[in-house]
Each structure stands twice: as C-alpha cells, then as structure tokens.
C-alpha cells in the first residue's frame, strides 16, 4: 500500500479523532468489504480492503493508541485473515460487525454528550 487514499487524514487529522470514532470508520470499510465479498465483486473488495487497512494502520500509528496496540494489531490480523486469507480464526461477518458496531455506537454516544 504505497498510495495514500485518505491524504487529509494521513496528514494528521486522523490523530484528532478519538479512538472510538477511528474504529467506527474502520468498521464502515469492513462492512463495505464484506458486502463486496458476499456479492463476489473483487474490485470493490480490494478497494474497501485497501481503505480499511489504511485507516487501521493510521489508528495503529496514532501515539494515543499505544496502549491498545495488541488489540489493534490482532484486529488487523483477523480482518486480513477473514477478508483475504483462509479464515483460520473462523471469524464470521456477523462477529466482525458486532465488534465494530460497538465503536460506532460509542462514538455516536460520545458525540451526543459533548
């Protein structure tokens, strides 16, 4: 992955987002990738996978998330395994959606209380 798709976010804006919002955005790309995989659209799958990995890598590189690196890196590994690998972890689209929907809900609640 050499080209940056989210140039403004990669330039530093991503770091201004709370972790919950970062992972909610990652989850949106996970959902897009899953949908593309289900319908067999490889081009859309690759595009969503690239965007997902870029956002997840920006999240991993964000210094405020340094105490969450184990979980973030494991999430990356599981997502790659499910979407592009042999699914050795036996993940399901449902389980991944449940995981990421929590961040979307928390991010929305956080936004509404601020």
Protein backbone atom coordinates (compact mmCIF):
# COMPACT_ATOMS: atom_id res chain seq x y z
CA UNK A 1 0.00 0.00 0.00
CA UNK A 2 2.02 2.94 -1.24
CA UNK A 3 -0.58 5.48 -2.32
CA UNK A 4 -2.41 7.33 0.40
CA UNK A 5 -6.15 7.41 -0.22
CA UNK A 6 -7.03 9.48 2.83
CA UNK A 7 -4.43 12.22 2.38
CA UNK A 8 -6.02 14.75 4.73
CA UNK A 9 -6.45 12.15 7.44
CA UNK A 10 -2.93 10.79 6.96
CA UNK A 11 -1.56 14.33 7.20
CA UNK A 12 -2.60 14.43 10.85
CA UNK A 13 -6.34 14.97 11.05
CA UNK A 14 -6.87 11.28 11.92
CA UNK A 15 -5.00 11.79 15.18
CA UNK A 16 -7.58 14.37 16.27
CA UNK A 17 -10.31 11.70 16.20
CA UNK A 18 -10.98 9.72 19.38
CA UNK A 19 -10.23 6.00 19.16
CA UNK A 20 -13.94 5.13 19.12
CA UNK A 21 -14.50 7.28 16.03
CA UNK A 22 -11.39 5.91 14.32
CA UNK A 23 -12.61 2.35 14.79
CA UNK A 24 -16.14 3.28 13.72
CA UNK A 25 -14.67 4.47 10.40
CA UNK A 26 -12.62 1.28 10.09
CA UNK A 27 -15.81 -0.68 10.74
CA UNK A 28 -17.57 1.10 7.87
CA UNK A 29 -14.88 -0.12 5.49
CA UNK A 30 -15.08 -3.60 6.99
CA UNK A 31 -18.79 -3.63 6.21
CA UNK A 32 -18.18 -2.44 2.64
CA UNK A 33 -15.53 -5.11 2.15
CA UNK A 34 -17.82 -7.83 3.50
CA UNK A 35 -20.65 -6.77 1.22
CA UNK A 36 -18.34 -6.79 -1.80
CA UNK A 37 -17.04 -10.23 -0.82
CA UNK A 38 -20.58 -11.60 -0.48
CA UNK A 39 -21.59 -10.47 -3.98
CA UNK A 40 -18.25 -11.51 -5.49
CA UNK A 41 -17.15 -8.02 -6.55
CA UNK A 42 -13.37 -8.38 -6.28
CA UNK A 43 -12.63 -4.80 -7.39
CA UNK A 44 -14.88 -3.34 -4.68
CA UNK A 45 -13.49 -5.79 -2.15
CA UNK A 46 -9.89 -4.77 -2.90
CA UNK A 47 -10.78 -1.08 -2.76
CA UNK A 48 -12.58 -1.39 0.58
CA UNK A 49 -9.82 -3.62 1.94
CA UNK A 50 -7.19 -1.04 0.99
CA UNK A 51 -9.14 1.78 2.63
CA UNK A 52 -9.77 -0.33 5.74
CA UNK A 53 -6.09 -1.21 6.09
CA UNK A 54 -5.02 2.40 5.61
CA UNK A 55 -7.38 3.62 8.33
CA UNK A 56 -6.42 0.79 10.64
CA UNK A 57 -2.72 1.47 10.06
CA UNK A 58 -3.28 5.17 10.83
CA UNK A 59 -5.04 4.11 14.03
CA UNK A 60 -2.16 1.81 14.97
CA UNK A 61 0.35 4.61 14.29
CA UNK A 62 -1.55 7.14 16.42
CA UNK A 63 0.50 7.66 19.62
CA UNK A 64 -2.59 7.98 21.82
CA UNK A 65 -3.47 4.37 20.97
CA UNK A 66 -0.11 2.92 22.01
CA UNK A 67 -1.66 1.04 24.94
CA UNK A 68 -4.13 -0.65 22.56
CA UNK A 69 -1.58 -1.94 20.05
CA UNK A 70 -2.11 -5.60 20.90
CA UNK A 71 -5.85 -5.42 20.22
CA UNK A 72 -5.46 -3.18 17.15
CA UNK A 73 -2.82 -5.41 15.57
CA UNK A 74 -4.84 -8.53 16.33
CA UNK A 75 -7.92 -6.92 14.77
CA UNK A 76 -5.85 -6.20 11.65
CA UNK A 77 -4.66 -9.79 11.53
CA UNK A 78 -8.18 -11.22 11.95
CA UNK A 79 -9.65 -8.86 9.34
CA UNK A 80 -6.99 -9.74 6.78
CA UNK A 81 -7.48 -13.43 7.52
CA UNK A 82 -11.26 -13.17 7.09
CA UNK A 83 -11.36 -10.89 4.04
CA UNK A 84 -8.29 -12.05 2.11
CA UNK A 85 -6.93 -15.14 3.80
CA UNK A 86 -8.02 -18.65 4.71
CA UNK A 87 -10.09 -17.57 7.76
CA UNK A 88 -8.03 -19.69 10.14
CA UNK A 89 -9.63 -17.82 13.06
CA UNK A 90 -13.10 -18.91 11.88
CA UNK A 91 -14.42 -15.34 12.01
CA UNK A 92 -17.85 -14.52 10.71
CA UNK A 93 -19.17 -11.36 9.15
CA UNK A 94 -21.66 -11.23 11.99
CA UNK A 95 -18.98 -11.35 14.70
CA UNK A 96 -16.91 -8.66 12.99
CA UNK A 97 -19.96 -6.42 12.55
CA UNK A 98 -20.83 -6.84 16.24
CA UNK A 99 -17.29 -5.89 17.21
CA UNK A 100 -17.20 -2.72 15.11
CA UNK A 101 -20.81 -1.66 15.74
CA UNK A 102 -19.88 -1.16 19.39
CA UNK A 103 -17.42 1.53 18.36
CA UNK A 104 -19.95 3.24 16.11
CA UNK A 105 -22.48 3.30 18.95
CA UNK A 106 -19.92 4.53 21.49
CA UNK A 107 -18.71 7.20 19.09
CA UNK A 108 -22.26 8.40 18.48
CA UNK A 109 -22.99 8.49 22.23
CA UNK A 110 -19.73 10.33 22.87
CA UNK A 111 -20.59 12.90 20.21
CA UNK A 112 -24.08 13.46 21.62
CA UNK A 113 -22.78 14.07 25.16
CA UNK A 114 -20.19 16.64 24.05
